[in-house]
């Protein structure tokens, strides 16, 4: 089923948009939860789909507590069917998982090189109704996108980052083995965002190598900013 859907999407992309022969969101395989969502979308009302989008964004941004998620899921089930049973809960849960996968993937695309109409076509080729595809495009290309990205970054797991750097030059006059050394070393103290302190010394030759590497990276970043791709 997934392979047949990929073939149909490729054919639709070629016919509807000759410049694009590959699906944008799921070029290799459409996840089963997204397939379930697109099948149910034709019978789903718009308010329910929008509730799923709102809840999925809250989950991805980490702004909802487990209690709020549970209560929201209960409301989704009640909105989906007048009688909530085990089958209803299972169907709504899979459809909601499909919305999460769809949004997570859509928010990763490059909005500079991928136009909104291209994403809308890809969503419709997946099987989403036009009005549902429009709602997803509003999330990806809408004015709230910068705030969404900021919250997604804040909620995603990350390693500690550099918060402060202190350094000083010390000269070793002598050691227990040598009476006269006079070798300069750079003492560095790094503070990271998790509150840890790291103190170490760097020989002068390695310090110059570090300076050269950083300067080289800064030049490459400036050249990248000036490239035509970043100015589109």
Protein backbone atom coordinates (compact mmCIF):
# COMPACT_ATOMS: atom_id res chain seq x y z
CA UNK A 1 0.00 0.00 0.00
CA UNK A 2 2.76 2.46 0.92
CA UNK A 3 4.71 1.78 -2.31
CA UNK A 4 1.55 2.21 -4.44
CA UNK A 5 0.92 5.56 -2.77
CA UNK A 6 4.50 6.70 -3.46
CA UNK A 7 4.13 5.78 -7.17
CA UNK A 8 0.83 7.66 -7.43
CA UNK A 9 2.34 10.71 -5.73
CA UNK A 10 5.31 10.71 -8.10
CA UNK A 11 2.99 10.54 -11.10
CA UNK A 12 0.81 13.31 -9.70
CA UNK A 13 3.86 15.46 -8.98
CA UNK A 14 5.12 15.06 -12.55
CA UNK A 15 1.71 15.86 -14.04
CA UNK A 16 0.85 18.71 -11.68
CA UNK A 17 4.33 20.17 -11.37
CA UNK A 18 6.79 19.15 -14.11
CA UNK A 19 9.70 20.71 -12.22
CA UNK A 20 9.25 18.37 -9.26
CA UNK A 21 9.41 14.60 -9.79
CA UNK A 22 9.87 13.64 -6.15
CA UNK A 23 7.49 13.90 -3.20
CA UNK A 24 8.59 16.53 -0.70
CA UNK A 25 7.57 15.17 2.69
CA UNK A 26 7.94 11.40 2.36
CA UNK A 27 10.04 10.57 -0.73
CA UNK A 28 10.80 6.98 0.31
CA UNK A 29 7.85 5.66 2.33
CA UNK A 30 4.69 7.14 3.76
CA UNK A 31 4.45 6.21 7.47
CA UNK A 32 1.44 3.99 8.29
CA UNK A 33 -0.01 6.52 10.74
CA UNK A 34 -0.01 9.17 8.00
CA UNK A 35 -1.74 6.73 5.64
CA UNK A 36 -4.40 6.14 8.29
CA UNK A 37 -4.82 9.89 8.74
CA UNK A 38 -5.25 10.59 5.03
CA UNK A 39 -7.85 7.81 4.71
CA UNK A 40 -9.86 9.21 7.62
CA UNK A 41 -9.44 12.85 6.55
CA UNK A 42 -12.07 12.58 3.81
CA UNK A 43 -14.73 11.89 6.47
CA UNK A 44 -13.24 14.13 9.18
CA UNK A 45 -14.71 17.55 9.88
CA UNK A 46 -12.46 20.61 9.78
CA UNK A 47 -12.78 21.59 13.50
CA UNK A 48 -11.57 18.14 14.58
CA UNK A 49 -8.54 18.32 12.26
CA UNK A 50 -7.68 21.78 13.56
CA UNK A 51 -7.93 20.55 17.15
CA UNK A 52 -5.48 17.77 16.26
CA UNK A 53 -3.07 20.31 14.75
CA UNK A 54 -3.28 22.52 17.83
CA UNK A 55 -2.71 19.59 20.19
CA UNK A 56 0.15 18.22 18.05
CA UNK A 57 1.89 21.60 18.05
CA UNK A 58 1.56 21.78 21.83
CA UNK A 59 3.09 18.31 22.10
CA UNK A 60 5.98 19.13 19.74
CA UNK A 61 6.67 22.44 21.49
CA UNK A 62 6.55 20.86 24.94
CA UNK A 63 3.97 23.37 26.20
CA UNK A 64 1.42 20.79 27.37
CA UNK A 65 1.61 18.80 30.58
CA UNK A 66 0.77 15.05 30.50
CA UNK A 67 -2.51 15.84 32.25
CA UNK A 68 -3.42 18.43 29.61
CA UNK A 69 -2.54 16.01 26.82
CA UNK A 70 -4.75 13.31 28.34
CA UNK A 71 -7.66 15.72 28.73
CA UNK A 72 -7.23 16.99 25.16
CA UNK A 73 -7.16 13.44 23.80
CA UNK A 74 -10.39 12.72 25.64
CA UNK A 75 -11.95 15.79 24.00
CA UNK A 76 -10.73 14.64 20.59
CA UNK A 77 -12.35 11.24 21.08
CA UNK A 78 -15.61 12.84 22.15
CA UNK A 79 -15.53 15.16 19.13
CA UNK A 80 -14.86 12.24 16.80
CA UNK A 81 -17.74 10.02 17.92
CA UNK A 82 -20.79 10.44 20.15
CA UNK A 83 -20.03 7.11 21.83
CA UNK A 84 -16.42 6.75 22.96
CA UNK A 85 -15.25 3.15 22.97
CA UNK A 86 -11.95 1.33 22.62
CA UNK A 87 -12.10 1.39 18.82
CA UNK A 88 -12.71 5.15 18.77
CA UNK A 89 -9.78 5.78 21.09
CA UNK A 90 -7.50 3.61 18.94
CA UNK A 91 -8.54 5.29 15.67
CA UNK A 92 -8.20 8.82 17.06
CA UNK A 93 -4.81 7.98 18.63
CA UNK A 94 -3.45 6.71 15.30
CA UNK A 95 -4.82 9.72 13.42
CA UNK A 96 -3.31 12.06 16.01
CA UNK A 97 0.03 10.26 15.66
CA UNK A 98 -0.27 10.85 11.90
CA UNK A 99 -0.76 14.59 12.46
CA UNK A 100 2.33 14.69 14.71
CA UNK A 101 4.45 12.87 12.10
CA UNK A 102 3.08 15.10 9.33
CA UNK A 103 3.79 18.35 11.19
CA UNK A 104 7.21 17.22 12.44
CA UNK A 105 8.25 16.42 8.87
CA UNK A 106 6.68 19.55 7.35
CA UNK A 107 8.42 21.82 9.85
CA UNK A 108 11.79 20.39 8.75
CA UNK A 109 11.51 21.39 5.09
CA UNK A 110 13.44 24.35 3.74
CA UNK A 111 10.85 27.09 3.24
CA UNK A 112 13.35 29.08 1.14
CA UNK A 113 13.68 26.46 -1.60
CA UNK A 114 10.22 24.88 -1.20
CA UNK A 115 7.30 27.11 -2.15
CA UNK A 116 4.00 26.98 -0.29
CA UNK A 117 2.09 25.86 -3.38
CA UNK A 118 4.55 22.96 -3.84
CA UNK A 119 3.89 21.76 -0.29
CA UNK A 120 0.13 22.13 -0.79
CA UNK A 121 0.29 19.95 -3.91
CA UNK A 122 2.35 17.32 -2.07
CA UNK A 123 -0.13 17.26 0.81
CA UNK A 124 -3.05 16.81 -1.59
CA UNK A 125 -1.15 14.05 -3.38
CA UNK A 126 -0.85 12.34 0.00
CA UNK A 127 -4.65 12.33 0.16
CA UNK A 128 -5.42 15.30 2.39
CA UNK A 129 -8.40 17.46 1.39
CA UNK A 130 -7.49 20.90 0.07
CA UNK A 131 -8.72 22.75 3.16
CA UNK A 132 -6.70 20.46 5.46
CA UNK A 133 -3.60 20.94 3.29
CA UNK A 134 -4.16 24.70 3.59
CA UNK A 135 -4.20 24.45 7.40
CA UNK A 136 -0.86 22.60 7.42
CA UNK A 137 0.65 25.18 5.06
CA UNK A 138 -0.48 27.98 7.40
CA UNK A 139 1.50 26.35 10.21
CA UNK A 140 4.63 25.95 8.06
CA UNK A 141 4.53 29.33 6.29
CA UNK A 142 2.40 31.42 8.65
CA UNK A 143 3.47 34.43 10.75
CA UNK A 144 3.68 32.27 13.90
CA UNK A 145 6.45 30.10 12.39
CA UNK A 146 9.37 31.93 14.12
CA UNK A 147 7.74 31.43 17.53
CA UNK A 148 7.04 27.78 16.71
CA UNK A 149 10.67 27.23 15.72
CA UNK A 150 11.93 28.92 18.90
CA UNK A 151 9.75 26.72 21.10
CA UNK A 152 10.69 23.58 19.18
CA UNK A 153 14.38 24.35 19.65
CA UNK A 154 13.87 25.07 23.36
CA UNK A 155 11.93 21.83 23.85
CA UNK A 156 14.32 19.59 21.89
CA UNK A 157 17.09 17.68 23.69
CA UNK A 158 20.46 19.38 23.44
CA UNK A 159 23.97 19.18 24.82
CA UNK A 160 25.32 21.87 27.20
CA UNK A 161 26.61 24.92 25.37
CA UNK A 162 29.32 27.45 26.15
CA UNK A 163 28.18 30.25 28.46
CA UNK A 164 31.48 31.86 29.48
CA UNK A 165 35.19 31.64 28.62
CA UNK A 166 38.09 32.99 30.65
CA UNK A 167 41.77 32.69 29.81
CA UNK A 168 45.16 33.87 30.98
CA UNK A 169 48.78 33.28 30.02
CA UNK A 170 51.11 31.64 32.51
CA UNK A 171 54.82 31.01 32.19
CA UNK A 172 56.44 27.93 33.69
CA UNK A 173 59.77 29.08 35.06
CA UNK A 174 61.06 25.71 36.22
CA UNK A 175 59.95 22.19 37.02
CA UNK A 176 61.19 19.46 39.32
CA UNK A 177 63.13 18.05 36.35
CA UNK A 178 64.36 21.27 34.72
CA UNK A 179 65.68 24.32 36.51
CA UNK A 180 64.84 26.71 33.65
CA UNK A 181 61.86 26.26 31.32
CA UNK A 182 60.25 29.66 30.59
CA UNK A 183 57.51 28.04 28.52
CA UNK A 184 54.24 30.03 28.17
CA UNK A 185 50.93 28.17 28.39
CA UNK A 186 47.36 29.40 28.09
CA UNK A 187 45.11 28.54 31.02
CA UNK A 188 41.49 28.33 29.94
CA UNK A 189 38.35 28.09 32.06
CA UNK A 190 35.05 27.24 30.37
CA UNK A 191 31.59 27.53 31.93
CA UNK A 192 28.77 25.58 30.29
CA UNK A 193 25.02 26.08 30.43
CA UNK A 194 24.56 23.18 32.86
CA UNK A 195 26.73 24.98 35.47
CA UNK A 196 29.84 22.84 34.98
CA UNK A 197 33.33 24.37 35.02
CA UNK A 198 36.19 22.99 32.94
CA UNK A 199 39.77 24.21 33.49
CA UNK A 200 42.62 23.11 31.26
CA UNK A 201 45.87 24.39 29.82
CA UNK A 202 46.80 24.73 26.17
CA UNK A 203 50.36 24.98 24.80
CA UNK A 204 51.01 28.15 22.86
CA UNK A 205 51.32 26.26 19.57
CA UNK A 206 47.89 24.62 20.05
CA UNK A 207 46.38 27.96 21.03
CA UNK A 208 47.57 29.51 17.75
CA UNK A 209 46.13 26.51 15.90
CA UNK A 210 42.79 27.10 17.66
CA UNK A 211 42.83 30.79 16.69
CA UNK A 212 43.54 29.90 13.06
CA UNK A 213 40.75 27.29 12.95
CA UNK A 214 38.17 29.68 14.44
CA UNK A 215 39.18 32.47 12.05
CA UNK A 216 38.92 30.07 9.11
CA UNK A 217 35.43 28.96 10.18
CA UNK A 218 34.29 32.58 10.54
CA UNK A 219 35.48 33.35 7.01
CA UNK A 220 33.61 30.32 5.68
CA UNK A 221 30.42 31.42 7.49
CA UNK A 222 30.68 34.92 5.97
CA UNK A 223 31.21 33.41 2.51
CA UNK A 224 28.15 31.19 3.02
CA UNK A 225 26.02 34.22 3.98
CA UNK A 226 27.06 35.91 0.74
CA UNK A 227 26.18 32.90 -1.42
CA UNK A 228 23.15 33.23 -3.75
CA UNK A 229 21.37 30.31 -2.04
CA UNK A 230 21.21 32.13 1.33
CA UNK A 231 20.01 35.35 -0.31
CA UNK A 232 16.94 33.78 -1.93
